[in-house]
All heavy atoms as atom14 arrays in JSON, in Angstrom:
{
  "sequence": "TEEHTGVVAYAYAEFDSPESQSADFRIGCINANKL",
  "atom14_mask": [
    [1, 1, 1, 1, 1, 1, 1, 0, 0, 0, 0, 0, 0, 0],
    [1, 1, 1, 1, 1, 1, 1, 1, 1, 0, 0, 0, 0, 0],
    [1, 1, 1, 1, 1, 1, 1, 1, 1, 0, 0, 0, 0, 0],
    [1, 1, 1, 1, 1, 1, 1, 1, 1, 1, 0, 0, 0, 0],
    [1, 1, 1, 1, 1, 1, 1, 0, 0, 0, 0, 0, 0, 0],
    [1, 1, 1, 1, 0, 0, 0, 0, 0, 0, 0, 0, 0, 0],
    [1, 1, 1, 1, 1, 1, 1, 0, 0, 0, 0, 0, 0, 0],
    [1, 1, 1, 1, 1, 1, 1, 0, 0, 0, 0, 0, 0, 0],
    [1, 1, 1, 1, 1, 0, 0, 0, 0, 0, 0, 0, 0, 0],
    [1, 1, 1, 1, 1, 1, 1, 1, 1, 1, 1, 1, 0, 0],
    [1, 1, 1, 1, 1, 0, 0, 0, 0, 0, 0, 0, 0, 0],
    [1, 1, 1, 1, 1, 1, 1, 1, 1, 1, 1, 1, 0, 0],
    [1, 1, 1, 1, 1, 0, 0, 0, 0, 0, 0, 0, 0, 0],
    [1, 1, 1, 1, 1, 1, 1, 1, 1, 0, 0, 0, 0, 0],
    [1, 1, 1, 1, 1, 1, 1, 1, 1, 1, 1, 0, 0, 0],
    [1, 1, 1, 1, 1, 1, 1, 1, 0, 0, 0, 0, 0, 0],
    [1, 1, 1, 1, 1, 1, 0, 0, 0, 0, 0, 0, 0, 0],
    [1, 1, 1, 1, 1, 1, 1, 0, 0, 0, 0, 0, 0, 0],
    [1, 1, 1, 1, 1, 1, 1, 1, 1, 0, 0, 0, 0, 0],
    [1, 1, 1, 1, 1, 1, 0, 0, 0, 0, 0, 0, 0, 0],
    [1, 1, 1, 1, 1, 1, 1, 1, 1, 0, 0, 0, 0, 0],
    [1, 1, 1, 1, 1, 1, 0, 0, 0, 0, 0, 0, 0, 0],
    [1, 1, 1, 1, 1, 0, 0, 0, 0, 0, 0, 0, 0, 0],
    [1, 1, 1, 1, 1, 1, 1, 1, 0, 0, 0, 0, 0, 0],
    [1, 1, 1, 1, 1, 1, 1, 1, 1, 1, 1, 0, 0, 0],
    [1, 1, 1, 1, 1, 1, 1, 1, 1, 1, 1, 0, 0, 0],
    [1, 1, 1, 1, 1, 1, 1, 1, 0, 0, 0, 0, 0, 0],
    [1, 1, 1, 1, 0, 0, 0, 0, 0, 0, 0, 0, 0, 0],
    [1, 1, 1, 1, 1, 1, 0, 0, 0, 0, 0, 0, 0, 0],
    [1, 1, 1, 1, 1, 1, 1, 1, 0, 0, 0, 0, 0, 0],
    [1, 1, 1, 1, 1, 1, 1, 1, 0, 0, 0, 0, 0, 0],
    [1, 1, 1, 1, 1, 0, 0, 0, 0, 0, 0, 0, 0, 0],
    [1, 1, 1, 1, 1, 1, 1, 1, 0, 0, 0, 0, 0, 0],
    [1, 1, 1, 1, 1, 1, 1, 1, 1, 0, 0, 0, 0, 0],
    [1, 1, 1, 1, 1, 1, 1, 1, 0, 0, 0, 0, 0, 0]
  ],
  "atom14_positions": [
    [[0.85, -1.18, 0.0], [0.0, 0.0, 0.0], [0.89, 1.23, 0.0], [1.91, 1.29, 0.68], [-0.93, 0.02, 1.22], [-1.73, 1.2, 1.18], [-0.17, 0.01, 2.53], [0.0, 0.0, 0.0], [0.0, 0.0, 0.0], [0.0, 0.0, 0.0], [0.0, 0.0, 0.0], [0.0, 0.0, 0.0], [0.0, 0.0, 0.0], [0.0, 0.0, 0.0]],
    [[0.55, 2.23, -0.76], [1.4, 3.4, -0.91], [1.27, 4.36, 0.27], [2.22, 5.02, 0.65], [1.04, 4.13, -2.21], [1.35, 3.34, -3.46], [2.83, 3.02, -3.6], [3.64, 3.86, -3.19], [3.15, 1.94, -4.09], [0.0, 0.0, 0.0], [0.0, 0.0, 0.0], [0.0, 0.0, 0.0], [0.0, 0.0, 0.0], [0.0, 0.0, 0.0]],
    [[0.07, 4.48, 0.82], [-0.15, 5.46, 1.87], [-0.99, 4.85, 2.99], [-1.83, 3.97, 2.75], [-0.87, 6.69, 1.32], [-0.11, 7.42, 0.24], [-0.94, 8.53, -0.38], [-2.13, 8.64, -0.06], [-0.38, 9.27, -1.18], [0.0, 0.0, 0.0], [0.0, 0.0, 0.0], [0.0, 0.0, 0.0], [0.0, 0.0, 0.0], [0.0, 0.0, 0.0]],
    [[-0.78, 5.35, 4.18], [-1.65, 5.04, 5.31], [-1.95, 6.35, 6.01], [-1.05, 7.18, 6.2], [-0.97, 4.08, 6.29], [-0.7, 2.71, 5.76], [0.44, 2.38, 5.07], [-1.43, 1.56, 5.83], [0.41, 1.11, 4.74], [-0.72, 0.59, 5.19], [0.0, 0.0, 0.0], [0.0, 0.0, 0.0], [0.0, 0.0, 0.0], [0.0, 0.0, 0.0]],
    [[-3.16, 6.54, 6.42], [-3.52, 7.72, 7.22], [-4.32, 7.27, 8.42], [-5.05, 6.27, 8.38], [-4.35, 8.72, 6.4], [-5.54, 8.09, 5.92], [-3.56, 9.24, 5.21], [0.0, 0.0, 0.0], [0.0, 0.0, 0.0], [0.0, 0.0, 0.0], [0.0, 0.0, 0.0], [0.0, 0.0, 0.0], [0.0, 0.0, 0.0], [0.0, 0.0, 0.0]],
    [[-4.2, 8.03, 9.51], [-4.93, 7.71, 10.73], [-4.56, 6.35, 11.29], [-5.44, 5.56, 11.66], [0.0, 0.0, 0.0], [0.0, 0.0, 0.0], [0.0, 0.0, 0.0], [0.0, 0.0, 0.0], [0.0, 0.0, 0.0], [0.0, 0.0, 0.0], [0.0, 0.0, 0.0], [0.0, 0.0, 0.0], [0.0, 0.0, 0.0], [0.0, 0.0, 0.0]],
    [[-3.25, 6.09, 11.4], [-2.79, 4.77, 11.81], [-1.59, 4.89, 12.75], [-0.91, 5.92, 12.79], [-2.38, 3.9, 10.6], [-3.61, 3.48, 9.8], [-1.4, 4.65, 9.7], [0.0, 0.0, 0.0], [0.0, 0.0, 0.0], [0.0, 0.0, 0.0], [0.0, 0.0, 0.0], [0.0, 0.0, 0.0], [0.0, 0.0, 0.0], [0.0, 0.0, 0.0]],
    [[-1.32, 3.83, 13.5], [-0.07, 3.68, 14.23], [0.52, 2.31, 13.9], [-0.22, 1.38, 13.51], [-0.23, 3.82, 15.76], [-0.7, 5.21, 16.14], [-1.17, 2.76, 16.32], [0.0, 0.0, 0.0], [0.0, 0.0, 0.0], [0.0, 0.0, 0.0], [0.0, 0.0, 0.0], [0.0, 0.0, 0.0], [0.0, 0.0, 0.0], [0.0, 0.0, 0.0]],
    [[1.81, 2.19, 14.05], [2.5, 0.92, 13.83], [3.57, 0.76, 14.89], [3.95, 1.72, 15.58], [3.11, 0.88, 12.44], [0.0, 0.0, 0.0], [0.0, 0.0, 0.0], [0.0, 0.0, 0.0], [0.0, 0.0, 0.0], [0.0, 0.0, 0.0], [0.0, 0.0, 0.0], [0.0, 0.0, 0.0], [0.0, 0.0, 0.0], [0.0, 0.0, 0.0]],
    [[4.05, -0.46, 15.03], [5.11, -0.77, 15.98], [6.3, -1.38, 15.25], [6.13, -2.14, 14.28], [4.61, -1.75, 17.04], [3.55, -1.18, 17.95], [2.19, -1.3, 17.64], [3.89, -0.52, 19.13], [1.22, -0.78, 18.47], [2.93, 0.0, 19.96], [1.59, -0.12, 19.63], [0.62, 0.4, 20.46], [0.0, 0.0, 0.0], [0.0, 0.0, 0.0]],
    [[7.48, -1.04, 15.74], [8.71, -1.65, 15.26], [9.46, -2.19, 16.47], [9.58, -1.51, 17.49], [9.57, -0.64, 14.51], [0.0, 0.0, 0.0], [0.0, 0.0, 0.0], [0.0, 0.0, 0.0], [0.0, 0.0, 0.0], [0.0, 0.0, 0.0], [0.0, 0.0, 0.0], [0.0, 0.0, 0.0], [0.0, 0.0, 0.0], [0.0, 0.0, 0.0]],
    [[9.98, -3.41, 16.34], [10.61, -4.1, 17.46], [11.99, -4.59, 17.05], [12.19, -5.1, 15.93], [9.75, -5.29, 17.89], [10.39, -6.2, 18.9], [10.39, -5.89, 20.25], [10.98, -7.4, 18.5], [10.97, -6.74, 21.19], [11.56, -8.26, 19.42], [11.55, -7.92, 20.77], [12.13, -8.77, 21.68], [0.0, 0.0, 0.0], [0.0, 0.0, 0.0]],
    [[12.97, -4.39, 17.93], [14.31, -4.9, 17.69], [14.91, -5.37, 19.01], [14.53, -4.9, 20.09], [15.2, -3.83, 17.06], [0.0, 0.0, 0.0], [0.0, 0.0, 0.0], [0.0, 0.0, 0.0], [0.0, 0.0, 0.0], [0.0, 0.0, 0.0], [0.0, 0.0, 0.0], [0.0, 0.0, 0.0], [0.0, 0.0, 0.0], [0.0, 0.0, 0.0]],
    [[15.86, -6.27, 18.92], [16.59, -6.73, 20.08], [18.03, -6.25, 19.99], [18.61, -6.17, 18.89], [16.53, -8.25, 20.21], [15.1, -8.73, 20.45], [15.01, -10.24, 20.68], [16.04, -10.93, 20.53], [13.9, -10.71, 21.0], [0.0, 0.0, 0.0], [0.0, 0.0, 0.0], [0.0, 0.0, 0.0], [0.0, 0.0, 0.0], [0.0, 0.0, 0.0]],
    [[18.61, -5.91, 21.13], [19.94, -5.33, 21.18], [20.77, -6.1, 22.2], [20.42, -6.15, 23.38], [19.84, -3.85, 21.57], [21.1, -3.07, 21.4], [21.29, -2.26, 20.29], [22.12, -3.14, 22.35], [22.46, -1.54, 20.11], [23.3, -2.43, 22.19], [23.47, -1.62, 21.07], [0.0, 0.0, 0.0], [0.0, 0.0, 0.0], [0.0, 0.0, 0.0]],
    [[21.85, -6.71, 21.74], [22.71, -7.52, 22.61], [23.89, -6.67, 23.08], [24.84, -6.43, 22.34], [23.2, -8.74, 21.83], [23.99, -9.72, 22.7], [24.13, -9.44, 23.91], [24.48, -10.72, 22.17], [0.0, 0.0, 0.0], [0.0, 0.0, 0.0], [0.0, 0.0, 0.0], [0.0, 0.0, 0.0], [0.0, 0.0, 0.0], [0.0, 0.0, 0.0]],
    [[23.8, -6.2, 24.3], [24.84, -5.32, 24.84], [25.94, -6.14, 25.5], [25.66, -7.04, 26.29], [24.24, -4.35, 25.86], [25.23, -3.52, 26.41], [0.0, 0.0, 0.0], [0.0, 0.0, 0.0], [0.0, 0.0, 0.0], [0.0, 0.0, 0.0], [0.0, 0.0, 0.0], [0.0, 0.0, 0.0], [0.0, 0.0, 0.0], [0.0, 0.0, 0.0]],
    [[27.21, -5.83, 25.21], [28.31, -6.59, 25.82], [28.48, -6.33, 27.31], [29.15, -7.09, 28.0], [29.54, -6.11, 25.04], [29.17, -4.74, 24.56], [27.7, -4.81, 24.27], [0.0, 0.0, 0.0], [0.0, 0.0, 0.0], [0.0, 0.0, 0.0], [0.0, 0.0, 0.0], [0.0, 0.0, 0.0], [0.0, 0.0, 0.0], [0.0, 0.0, 0.0]],
    [[27.86, -5.26, 27.79], [27.98, -4.91, 29.21], [26.8, -4.03, 29.62], [26.07, -3.51, 28.78], [29.28, -4.15, 29.47], [29.39, -2.86, 28.67], [30.73, -2.18, 28.86], [31.52, -2.65, 29.69], [30.97, -1.18, 28.18], [0.0, 0.0, 0.0], [0.0, 0.0, 0.0], [0.0, 0.0, 0.0], [0.0, 0.0, 0.0], [0.0, 0.0, 0.0]],
    [[26.62, -3.88, 30.9], [25.64, -2.92, 31.41], [26.19, -1.52, 31.18], [27.31, -1.22, 31.61], [25.39, -3.17, 32.9], [24.52, -2.21, 33.43], [0.0, 0.0, 0.0], [0.0, 0.0, 0.0], [0.0, 0.0, 0.0], [0.0, 0.0, 0.0], [0.0, 0.0, 0.0], [0.0, 0.0, 0.0], [0.0, 0.0, 0.0], [0.0, 0.0, 0.0]],
    [[25.42, -0.67, 30.54], [25.93, 0.65, 30.19], [24.79, 1.61, 29.89], [23.73, 1.22, 29.4], [26.85, 0.57, 28.97], [26.2, -0.02, 27.73], [27.17, -0.18, 26.57], [27.97, 0.71, 26.3], [27.1, -1.31, 25.87], [0.0, 0.0, 0.0], [0.0, 0.0, 0.0], [0.0, 0.0, 0.0], [0.0, 0.0, 0.0], [0.0, 0.0, 0.0]],
    [[25.02, 2.87, 30.19], [24.09, 3.92, 29.8], [24.32, 4.28, 28.34], [25.43, 4.17, 27.83], [24.28, 5.16, 30.68], [23.96, 4.87, 32.03], [0.0, 0.0, 0.0], [0.0, 0.0, 0.0], [0.0, 0.0, 0.0], [0.0, 0.0, 0.0], [0.0, 0.0, 0.0], [0.0, 0.0, 0.0], [0.0, 0.0, 0.0], [0.0, 0.0, 0.0]],
    [[23.27, 4.7, 27.67], [23.39, 5.05, 26.26], [22.32, 6.07, 25.89], [21.29, 6.2, 26.57], [23.26, 3.81, 25.37], [0.0, 0.0, 0.0], [0.0, 0.0, 0.0], [0.0, 0.0, 0.0], [0.0, 0.0, 0.0], [0.0, 0.0, 0.0], [0.0, 0.0, 0.0], [0.0, 0.0, 0.0], [0.0, 0.0, 0.0], [0.0, 0.0, 0.0]],
    [[22.59, 6.79, 24.82], [21.59, 7.66, 24.21], [20.81, 6.86, 23.19], [21.38, 6.06, 22.43], [22.25, 8.84, 23.5], [22.65, 9.97, 24.43], [22.47, 9.83, 25.65], [23.16, 11.0, 23.93], [0.0, 0.0, 0.0], [0.0, 0.0, 0.0], [0.0, 0.0, 0.0], [0.0, 0.0, 0.0], [0.0, 0.0, 0.0], [0.0, 0.0, 0.0]],
    [[19.5, 7.1, 23.14], [18.63, 6.52, 22.13], [18.05, 7.71, 21.36], [17.19, 8.42, 21.87], [17.56, 5.65, 22.77], [18.14, 4.48, 23.51], [18.63, 4.63, 24.8], [18.24, 3.24, 22.91], [19.2, 3.57, 25.49], [18.81, 2.17, 23.59], [19.29, 2.34, 24.88], [0.0, 0.0, 0.0], [0.0, 0.0, 0.0], [0.0, 0.0, 0.0]],
    [[18.56, 7.92, 20.16], [18.28, 9.14, 19.42], [17.39, 8.84, 18.22], [17.74, 8.06, 17.35], [19.58, 9.8, 18.98], [20.52, 10.12, 20.16], [21.73, 10.91, 19.71], [22.63, 11.2, 20.82], [23.71, 11.98, 20.73], [24.01, 12.54, 19.57], [24.48, 12.18, 21.78], [0.0, 0.0, 0.0], [0.0, 0.0, 0.0], [0.0, 0.0, 0.0]],
    [[16.24, 9.48, 18.21], [15.21, 9.23, 17.2], [15.11, 10.42, 16.26], [15.14, 11.58, 16.68], [13.84, 8.99, 17.85], [13.88, 7.78, 18.78], [12.76, 8.81, 16.8], [12.59, 7.59, 19.56], [0.0, 0.0, 0.0], [0.0, 0.0, 0.0], [0.0, 0.0, 0.0], [0.0, 0.0, 0.0], [0.0, 0.0, 0.0], [0.0, 0.0, 0.0]],
    [[14.94, 10.12, 14.98], [14.48, 11.1, 14.01], [13.13, 10.61, 13.51], [13.0, 9.45, 13.11], [0.0, 0.0, 0.0], [0.0, 0.0, 0.0], [0.0, 0.0, 0.0], [0.0, 0.0, 0.0], [0.0, 0.0, 0.0], [0.0, 0.0, 0.0], [0.0, 0.0, 0.0], [0.0, 0.0, 0.0], [0.0, 0.0, 0.0], [0.0, 0.0, 0.0]],
    [[12.11, 11.45, 13.56], [10.76, 10.98, 13.18], [9.9, 12.18, 12.81], [9.82, 13.15, 13.56], [10.13, 10.2, 14.32], [8.56, 9.4, 13.88], [0.0, 0.0, 0.0], [0.0, 0.0, 0.0], [0.0, 0.0, 0.0], [0.0, 0.0, 0.0], [0.0, 0.0, 0.0], [0.0, 0.0, 0.0], [0.0, 0.0, 0.0], [0.0, 0.0, 0.0]],
    [[9.24, 12.09, 11.67], [8.37, 13.17, 11.22], [6.94, 12.98, 11.75], [6.07, 13.79, 11.5], [8.38, 13.25, 9.69], [7.84, 14.6, 9.2], [7.63, 12.08, 9.06], [8.09, 14.89, 7.76], [0.0, 0.0, 0.0], [0.0, 0.0, 0.0], [0.0, 0.0, 0.0], [0.0, 0.0, 0.0], [0.0, 0.0, 0.0], [0.0, 0.0, 0.0]],
    [[6.73, 11.91, 12.49], [5.41, 11.58, 13.02], [5.45, 11.48, 14.54], [6.51, 11.57, 15.15], [4.94, 10.23, 12.45], [5.1, 10.13, 10.95], [6.05, 9.54, 10.48], [4.19, 10.73, 10.21], [0.0, 0.0, 0.0], [0.0, 0.0, 0.0], [0.0, 0.0, 0.0], [0.0, 0.0, 0.0], [0.0, 0.0, 0.0], [0.0, 0.0, 0.0]],
    [[4.29, 11.3, 15.15], [4.22, 11.06, 16.59], [4.94, 9.75, 16.91], [4.88, 8.79, 16.14], [2.77, 10.99, 17.04], [0.0, 0.0, 0.0], [0.0, 0.0, 0.0], [0.0, 0.0, 0.0], [0.0, 0.0, 0.0], [0.0, 0.0, 0.0], [0.0, 0.0, 0.0], [0.0, 0.0, 0.0], [0.0, 0.0, 0.0], [0.0, 0.0, 0.0]],
    [[5.62, 9.71, 18.05], [6.41, 8.53, 18.33], [6.57, 8.29, 19.83], [6.5, 9.22, 20.64], [7.8, 8.64, 17.69], [8.56, 9.86, 18.18], [9.24, 9.82, 19.21], [8.47, 10.97, 17.45], [0.0, 0.0, 0.0], [0.0, 0.0, 0.0], [0.0, 0.0, 0.0], [0.0, 0.0, 0.0], [0.0, 0.0, 0.0], [0.0, 0.0, 0.0]],
    [[6.76, 7.03, 20.18], [7.11, 6.61, 21.53], [8.22, 5.56, 21.43], [8.29, 4.82, 20.44], [5.9, 6.0, 22.27], [4.81, 6.98, 22.63], [3.69, 6.3, 23.43], [2.62, 7.3, 23.85], [1.54, 6.63, 24.66], [0.0, 0.0, 0.0], [0.0, 0.0, 0.0], [0.0, 0.0, 0.0], [0.0, 0.0, 0.0], [0.0, 0.0, 0.0]],
    [[9.04, 5.49, 22.47], [10.12, 4.51, 22.51], [10.19, 3.86, 23.88], [10.22, 4.56, 24.9], [11.46, 5.18, 22.2], [12.72, 4.34, 22.48], [12.79, 3.12, 21.56], [13.98, 5.19, 22.32], [0.0, 0.0, 0.0], [0.0, 0.0, 0.0], [0.0, 0.0, 0.0], [0.0, 0.0, 0.0], [0.0, 0.0, 0.0], [0.0, 0.0, 0.0]]
  ]
}
């Protein structure tokens, strides 16, 4: 489908960290978003 309007979607990923650590999670998004 070329376009969607009035919708939300989810994206899921797993991240294998070599150690316990603080990090920045930096988003670029032209739409409403949550992380």
